[in-house]
Amino acid sequence: MLAPRKTIELALQGGGSHGALTWGVLDRLLEEPDLHIEGVSGTSAGAMNAVVLADGLESGGRQEARAALARFWKAVSNAALASPIQRSLWDRLSGNWSLANAPGYVLMDHLTRVFSPYELNPLNLNPLRDLVAETVDFDRVNRCTAVDLFVTATNVRSGRPRIFRRGGITVDAVMASACLPLVFQAVEIDGEAYWDGGFTGNPALFPLVDECGARDLVLVQINPFHRPELPRTARQIIERLNEITFNAALLKELRGILLLRDRIEAEGIEDERWRDMRLHRIHGDEDLVALEPSSKLNAEWAYLCHLRDLGHARTDQWLRQHKADLGVRSTFDLDWLLEDSVKPAGAIASRARRRAGEGGA
């Protein structure tokens, strides 16, 4: 007898080569025949994983999607072989994946603090764009009905997010979603300029809630919320500021979901989209916190496979613990988001009732 199908939505964060962990997550989820992915919202590396997933599903189903993800990340690694940013000899000998001591990384870090990408790269060359264009068939992506896609970029002039949907997802949309302002020139689409979507949605959750029918939203997180060590060097401070910035929009959306759910419960508002939303999280926090942020630019094949295996193992563990909770309850406890806030009337009681029926992870 076949197990009843469970339907989920995926929210995929960006984070450079750490997106290979998300590759491992997707690879493991695609192994579950009774698990249906209805929608995917992705930013930066999450957007790249999303379009490769859709391309593969449209081309040949789940197995082809798994193969397409492997091909894409192998192509990323092959392209990085020509990069001047490589690990130092000592880091290679010591098994450290960091690039912080690499001369090429140090030079780039200094140059991008003094010169803009319009000065450093006036021809606007971007090998990653060429790679994405060569490895992803965007005609297939835009006609794929197996999964709804949402790609987020940030409008430079208005500061607002723009969500690209099926029919309008192009290589430029994906590159806009991954456009780091100090590294790349803004991507121009329809007369508007765009930067990395992580500033306004890493990833955007509201399209999944508003436009998809599944009530189980799984966040695949590769930017840790918490780091135990206080940053003390200039580079550490900047790197932590970047992490906080790229998590800020996500935290606001998660907090908004909590507050709206409390208001709906307290006032009896009929809005099942938000009332029944169940949140889950697959992450690599402990492993990723141990990695220096500079490792997000390391695309060595052994490293990408290491991250893939971490994502695969984390997802396998999550499925064993929480697959049965899909369709039943949330497994991502977010009450800590409101600890320092003034709680609305009835919120404490309603969350207490909800916690009694939900797990935490």
Protein backbone atom coordinates (compact mmCIF):
# COMPACT_ATOMS: atom_id res chain seq x y z
CA MET A 1 0.00 0.00 0.00
CA LEU A 2 1.40 3.38 -1.01
CA ALA A 3 2.02 5.94 1.75
CA PRO A 4 -0.12 9.08 1.48
CA ARG A 5 1.65 11.87 -0.34
CA LYS A 6 2.93 14.78 1.73
CA THR A 7 3.27 18.20 0.12
CA ILE A 8 5.80 20.84 1.15
CA GLU A 9 7.13 24.22 0.09
CA LEU A 10 10.84 25.02 0.21
CA ALA A 11 12.52 28.32 1.10
CA LEU A 12 16.18 28.23 -0.01
CA GLN A 13 18.68 30.71 1.40
CA GLY A 14 21.65 32.12 -0.45
CA GLY A 15 25.22 31.81 0.76
CA GLY A 16 27.73 31.27 -2.03
CA SER A 17 29.27 27.82 -2.21
CA HIS A 18 27.49 26.93 1.04
CA GLY A 19 24.54 26.48 -1.32
CA ALA A 20 26.07 23.05 -1.98
CA LEU A 21 24.60 22.06 1.39
CA THR A 22 21.19 22.88 -0.10
CA TRP A 23 22.10 20.67 -3.06
CA GLY A 24 22.44 17.81 -0.57
CA VAL A 25 19.10 18.68 1.02
CA LEU A 26 17.32 18.64 -2.34
CA ASP A 27 19.05 15.44 -3.37
CA ARG A 28 17.77 13.67 -0.25
CA LEU A 29 14.24 15.09 -0.51
CA LEU A 30 14.01 13.91 -4.11
CA GLU A 31 14.68 10.36 -2.91
CA GLU A 32 11.32 10.38 -1.10
CA PRO A 33 8.66 9.25 -3.65
CA ASP A 34 5.77 10.26 -1.38
CA LEU A 35 7.11 13.78 -0.80
CA HIS A 36 5.88 16.40 -3.27
CA ILE A 37 7.55 19.81 -3.56
CA GLU A 38 4.86 22.26 -4.64
CA GLY A 39 6.78 25.53 -4.53
CA VAL A 40 10.33 26.81 -4.11
CA SER A 41 11.41 30.32 -3.19
CA GLY A 42 15.12 30.95 -3.61
CA THR A 43 17.64 33.75 -3.33
CA SER A 44 21.17 33.87 -4.74
CA ALA A 45 22.62 30.34 -4.51
CA GLY A 46 19.13 29.26 -3.44
CA ALA A 47 17.75 30.68 -6.69
CA MET A 48 20.35 28.76 -8.68
CA ASN A 49 19.45 25.52 -6.92
CA ALA A 50 15.77 26.28 -7.57
CA VAL A 51 16.09 26.82 -11.33
CA VAL A 52 18.35 23.79 -11.76
CA LEU A 53 15.77 21.72 -9.84
CA ALA A 54 12.94 22.93 -12.09
CA ASP A 55 15.02 22.37 -15.23
CA GLY A 56 15.75 18.80 -14.19
CA LEU A 57 12.16 18.04 -13.17
CA GLU A 58 10.85 19.31 -16.49
CA SER A 59 13.51 17.43 -18.45
CA GLY A 60 13.21 14.01 -16.80
CA GLY A 61 11.64 13.99 -13.37
CA ARG A 62 13.24 13.43 -10.00
CA GLN A 63 16.27 11.43 -11.10
CA GLU A 64 17.13 13.93 -13.78
CA ALA A 65 16.72 16.76 -11.26
CA ARG A 66 19.25 15.06 -8.98
CA ALA A 67 21.63 14.58 -11.90
CA ALA A 68 21.16 18.20 -13.02
CA LEU A 69 22.06 19.51 -9.56
CA ALA A 70 25.22 17.38 -9.53
CA ARG A 71 26.21 18.61 -13.01
CA PHE A 72 25.61 22.22 -12.06
CA TRP A 73 27.78 22.13 -8.94
CA LYS A 74 30.50 20.21 -10.78
CA ALA A 75 30.48 22.94 -13.44
CA VAL A 76 30.80 25.58 -10.70
CA SER A 77 33.82 23.73 -9.32
CA ASN A 78 35.43 23.32 -12.73
CA ALA A 79 35.03 27.02 -13.47
CA ALA A 80 36.63 27.91 -10.12
CA LEU A 81 39.84 26.10 -11.08
CA ALA A 82 40.83 29.19 -13.09
CA SER A 83 40.08 31.59 -10.24
CA PRO A 84 43.02 33.47 -8.66
CA ILE A 85 41.36 32.93 -5.28
CA GLN A 86 42.62 29.58 -4.02
CA ARG A 87 43.39 28.16 -0.58
CA SER A 88 46.85 28.74 0.80
CA LEU A 89 49.26 25.80 1.02
CA TRP A 90 49.02 25.79 4.83
CA ASP A 91 45.21 25.67 4.73
CA ARG A 92 45.37 22.75 2.32
CA LEU A 93 47.80 20.87 4.52
CA SER A 94 45.79 21.57 7.67
CA GLY A 95 42.42 20.70 6.11
CA ASN A 96 41.04 24.23 6.58
CA TRP A 97 38.47 25.19 3.95
CA SER A 98 38.89 28.91 4.62
CA LEU A 99 40.17 31.38 2.03
CA ALA A 100 40.95 34.09 4.58
CA ASN A 101 44.72 33.56 4.19
CA ALA A 102 44.66 33.25 0.41
CA PRO A 103 46.55 36.16 -1.24
CA GLY A 104 43.91 36.42 -3.97
CA TYR A 105 41.11 36.68 -1.42
CA VAL A 106 42.96 39.28 0.65
CA LEU A 107 43.65 41.36 -2.47
CA MET A 108 40.03 41.16 -3.63
CA ASP A 109 38.79 42.02 -0.13
CA HIS A 110 40.89 45.20 -0.08
CA LEU A 111 40.16 46.23 -3.66
CA THR A 112 36.38 45.94 -3.26
CA ARG A 113 36.52 48.24 -0.24
CA VAL A 114 38.25 50.97 -2.28
CA PHE A 115 36.95 50.55 -5.83
CA SER A 116 33.45 49.85 -7.10
CA PRO A 117 32.72 47.03 -9.57
CA TYR A 118 32.17 49.72 -12.20
CA GLU A 119 35.82 50.70 -11.75
CA LEU A 120 37.32 47.24 -11.20
CA ASN A 121 35.30 45.52 -13.91
CA PRO A 122 34.16 48.14 -16.46
CA LEU A 123 33.34 45.46 -19.04
CA ASN A 124 31.02 43.78 -16.50
CA LEU A 125 32.48 40.33 -17.08
CA ASN A 126 30.83 37.61 -15.00
CA PRO A 127 31.88 33.99 -15.65
CA LEU A 128 29.15 32.75 -13.30
CA ARG A 129 26.50 34.24 -15.56
CA ASP A 130 27.94 32.39 -18.53
CA LEU A 131 28.01 29.16 -16.53
CA VAL A 132 24.36 29.48 -15.47
CA ALA A 133 23.29 30.32 -19.02
CA GLU A 134 25.13 27.26 -20.36
CA THR A 135 23.91 24.75 -17.76
CA VAL A 136 20.25 25.81 -17.31
CA ASP A 137 17.59 25.70 -20.03
CA PHE A 138 15.36 28.62 -19.01
CA ASP A 139 12.71 27.70 -21.58
CA ARG A 140 12.26 24.44 -19.67
CA VAL A 141 12.34 26.28 -16.35
CA ASN A 142 9.53 28.62 -17.41
CA ARG A 143 7.29 25.89 -18.73
CA CYS A 144 7.86 23.60 -15.74
CA THR A 145 4.55 22.99 -13.97
CA ALA A 146 5.92 20.40 -11.55
CA VAL A 147 6.94 23.14 -9.12
CA ASP A 148 6.14 26.84 -8.63
CA LEU A 149 9.27 29.01 -8.60
CA PHE A 150 9.93 32.36 -6.93
CA VAL A 151 13.27 34.18 -7.31
CA THR A 152 13.95 37.29 -5.23
CA ALA A 153 16.09 40.30 -6.14
CA THR A 154 16.36 43.76 -4.55
CA ASN A 155 15.42 46.87 -6.51
CA VAL A 156 18.38 49.23 -6.04
CA ARG A 157 16.39 52.45 -6.39
CA SER A 158 13.30 51.56 -4.33
CA GLY A 159 14.90 49.12 -1.89
CA ARG A 160 11.94 46.78 -2.38
CA PRO A 161 12.01 43.09 -3.28
CA ARG A 162 11.01 41.93 -6.72
CA ILE A 163 9.74 38.39 -7.10
CA PHE A 164 10.35 36.74 -10.47
CA ARG A 165 7.86 33.96 -11.23
CA ARG A 166 7.37 31.27 -13.85
CA GLY A 167 7.30 32.85 -17.28
CA GLY A 168 9.68 35.61 -16.27
CA ILE A 169 12.63 33.74 -14.80
CA THR A 170 15.72 34.42 -16.89
CA VAL A 171 19.44 34.15 -16.42
CA ASP A 172 19.43 37.88 -15.62
CA ALA A 173 16.80 37.36 -12.91
CA VAL A 174 18.95 34.68 -11.28
CA MET A 175 22.09 36.80 -11.54
CA ALA A 176 20.21 39.79 -10.09
CA SER A 177 19.27 37.59 -7.14
CA ALA A 178 22.98 36.81 -6.62
CA CYS A 179 24.39 40.29 -7.33
CA LEU A 180 26.67 41.33 -4.46
CA PRO A 181 26.93 45.14 -4.79
CA LEU A 182 30.64 45.38 -3.97
CA VAL A 183 31.56 42.62 -6.42
CA PHE A 184 29.21 42.94 -9.40
CA GLN A 185 27.55 45.78 -11.27
CA ALA A 186 23.80 45.99 -10.69
CA VAL A 187 21.81 43.81 -13.08
CA GLU A 188 19.50 45.80 -15.36
CA ILE A 189 16.09 44.24 -16.11
CA ASP A 190 13.30 46.17 -17.82
CA GLY A 191 15.01 49.47 -17.05
CA GLU A 192 15.43 48.74 -13.34
CA ALA A 193 18.64 47.91 -11.48
CA TYR A 194 18.83 44.98 -9.05
CA TRP A 195 21.13 43.73 -6.32
CA ASP A 196 21.23 40.54 -4.29
CA GLY A 197 17.80 39.42 -3.10
CA GLY A 198 19.22 38.64 0.33
CA PHE A 199 18.79 42.26 1.37
CA THR A 200 15.00 42.05 1.15
CA GLY A 201 14.22 38.33 1.24
CA ASN A 202 16.66 35.54 2.04
CA PRO A 203 14.50 33.92 0.89
CA ALA A 204 11.08 35.56 0.49
CA LEU A 205 8.41 33.52 2.29
CA PHE A 206 5.25 35.42 1.41
CA PRO A 207 4.91 34.08 -2.18
CA LEU A 208 4.88 30.53 -0.80
CA VAL A 209 2.16 31.39 1.72
CA ASP A 210 0.06 33.49 -0.65
CA GLU A 211 0.36 31.53 -3.89
CA CYS A 212 0.86 27.87 -2.96
CA GLY A 213 -1.58 25.46 -1.39
CA ALA A 214 0.82 23.47 0.79
CA ARG A 215 0.75 24.39 4.46
CA ASP A 216 4.16 22.92 5.37
CA LEU A 217 6.94 25.42 4.68
CA VAL A 218 10.47 24.06 5.06
CA LEU A 219 13.26 26.62 5.46
CA VAL A 220 16.64 25.38 4.25
CA GLN A 221 18.98 27.64 6.20
CA ILE A 222 22.66 28.10 5.42
CA ASN A 223 23.22 31.45 7.17
CA PRO A 224 23.32 30.81 10.94
CA PHE A 225 21.20 33.06 13.13
CA HIS A 226 23.58 32.76 16.07
CA ARG A 227 27.36 32.79 16.46
CA PRO A 228 28.77 32.26 19.96
CA GLU A 229 32.03 34.12 19.43
CA LEU A 230 32.21 37.90 19.48
CA PRO A 231 33.80 39.26 16.27
CA ARG A 232 36.87 41.34 17.11
CA THR A 233 38.88 41.92 13.94
CA ALA A 234 37.69 44.31 11.23
CA ARG A 235 37.10 41.44 8.82
CA GLN A 236 35.19 39.39 11.41
CA ILE A 237 32.97 42.37 12.21
CA ILE A 238 32.17 43.00 8.53
CA GLU A 239 31.48 39.32 7.93
CA ARG A 240 29.11 39.12 10.90
CA LEU A 241 27.38 42.34 9.78
CA ASN A 242 26.81 40.72 6.41
CA GLU A 243 25.32 37.63 8.04
CA ILE A 244 22.99 39.71 10.21
CA THR A 245 21.95 41.81 7.21
CA PHE A 246 21.16 38.78 5.07
CA ASN A 247 19.11 37.19 7.87
CA ALA A 248 17.22 40.37 8.82
CA ALA A 249 14.49 40.15 6.16
CA LEU A 250 13.92 36.47 6.92
CA LEU A 251 13.62 37.12 10.65
CA LYS A 252 11.10 39.90 9.99
CA GLU A 253 8.97 37.62 7.82
CA LEU A 254 9.08 34.81 10.39
CA ARG A 255 8.16 37.24 13.14
CA GLY A 256 5.33 38.59 10.99
CA ILE A 257 3.96 35.06 10.53
CA LEU A 258 3.97 34.54 14.30
CA LEU A 259 2.27 37.84 15.08
CA LEU A 260 -0.34 37.41 12.35
CA ARG A 261 -1.11 33.88 13.49
CA ASP A 262 -1.58 35.15 17.06
CA ARG A 263 -3.87 37.94 15.87
CA ILE A 264 -5.93 35.50 13.79
CA GLU A 265 -6.32 33.18 16.77
CA ALA A 266 -7.06 35.98 19.22
CA GLU A 267 -9.69 37.67 17.04
CA GLY A 268 -11.12 34.66 15.25
CA ILE A 269 -10.22 36.01 11.82
CA GLU A 270 -10.91 33.58 8.99
CA ASP A 271 -7.63 33.34 7.11
CA GLU A 272 -6.59 29.73 6.82
CA ARG A 273 -3.48 30.52 4.76
CA TRP A 274 -1.76 31.96 7.83
CA ARG A 275 -3.61 30.12 10.60
CA ASP A 276 -2.63 26.68 9.30
CA MET A 277 0.93 27.51 8.25
CA ARG A 278 3.34 24.93 9.66
CA LEU A 279 7.02 25.87 9.76
CA HIS A 280 10.00 23.53 9.62
CA ARG A 281 13.75 24.00 9.28
CA ILE A 282 16.62 21.98 7.87
CA HIS A 283 19.99 23.54 8.66
CA GLY A 284 23.67 22.90 9.15
CA ASP A 285 24.20 25.39 11.96
CA GLU A 286 26.84 23.56 13.98
CA ASP A 287 28.85 22.62 10.91
CA LEU A 288 28.47 25.98 9.17
CA VAL A 289 29.32 28.06 12.25
CA ALA A 290 32.65 26.22 12.33
CA LEU A 291 33.40 27.44 8.79
CA GLU A 292 34.77 30.91 8.16
CA PRO A 293 32.58 33.13 5.96
CA SER A 294 35.38 33.31 3.38
CA SER A 295 34.74 29.62 2.65
CA LYS A 296 31.57 30.74 0.81
CA LEU A 297 33.90 31.50 -2.11
CA ASN A 298 35.65 28.13 -2.00
CA ALA A 299 34.34 25.97 -4.85
CA GLU A 300 36.78 23.06 -4.70
CA TRP A 301 34.99 19.86 -5.66
CA ALA A 302 35.98 18.04 -2.46
CA TYR A 303 34.56 20.91 -0.41
CA LEU A 304 31.31 21.08 -2.37
CA CYS A 305 30.88 17.32 -1.96
CA HIS A 306 31.57 17.70 1.76
CA LEU A 307 28.79 20.28 2.02
CA ARG A 308 26.47 18.15 -0.12
CA ASP A 309 27.02 15.20 2.19
CA LEU A 310 26.32 17.39 5.23
CA GLY A 311 23.05 18.54 3.68
CA HIS A 312 22.09 14.99 2.75
CA ALA A 313 22.81 13.70 6.26
CA ARG A 314 21.00 16.61 7.95
CA THR A 315 17.94 16.02 5.77
CA ASP A 316 17.98 12.30 6.42
CA GLN A 317 18.01 13.00 10.15
CA TRP A 318 15.21 15.56 9.81
CA LEU A 319 13.04 13.16 7.83
CA ARG A 320 13.47 10.43 10.43
CA GLN A 321 12.52 12.82 13.20
CA HIS A 322 9.85 14.96 11.58
CA LYS A 323 8.44 13.50 8.37
CA ALA A 324 5.44 12.22 10.33
CA ASP A 325 4.84 15.79 11.56
CA LEU A 326 4.24 17.10 8.04
CA GLY A 327 0.58 17.97 7.73
CA VAL A 328 0.21 17.83 11.51
CA ARG A 329 2.30 20.43 13.33
CA SER A 330 5.22 22.83 13.14
CA THR A 331 8.63 21.60 14.18
CA PHE A 332 10.46 24.96 14.10
CA ASP A 333 9.94 26.77 17.42
CA LEU A 334 10.08 30.52 16.83
CA ASP A 335 8.86 31.90 20.16
CA TRP A 336 12.36 33.24 20.81
CA LEU A 337 11.72 35.82 18.08
CA LEU A 338 9.23 37.58 20.35
CA GLU A 339 11.14 37.34 23.62
CA ASP A 340 12.25 40.97 23.49
CA SER A 341 9.01 42.31 22.03
CA VAL A 342 5.78 43.60 23.53
CA LYS A 343 3.44 40.65 23.06
CA PRO A 344 -0.07 41.31 21.77
CA ALA A 345 -3.03 40.45 23.95
CA GLY A 346 -3.70 36.74 24.02
CA ALA A 347 -0.41 35.88 22.32
CA ILE A 348 1.18 34.22 25.34
CA ALA A 349 -1.81 31.99 25.93
CA SER A 350 -2.29 31.11 22.27
CA ARG A 351 1.38 30.21 21.81
CA ALA A 352 1.30 28.14 24.97
CA ARG A 353 -1.69 26.21 23.58
CA ARG A 354 0.07 25.79 20.26
CA ARG A 355 3.29 24.60 21.89
CA ALA A 356 1.31 21.94 23.71
CA GLY A 357 0.42 20.46 20.32
CA GLU A 358 3.64 21.15 18.44
CA GLY A 359 7.19 19.92 18.60
CA GLY A 360 10.28 22.10 18.62
CA ALA A 361 13.48 21.80 16.63
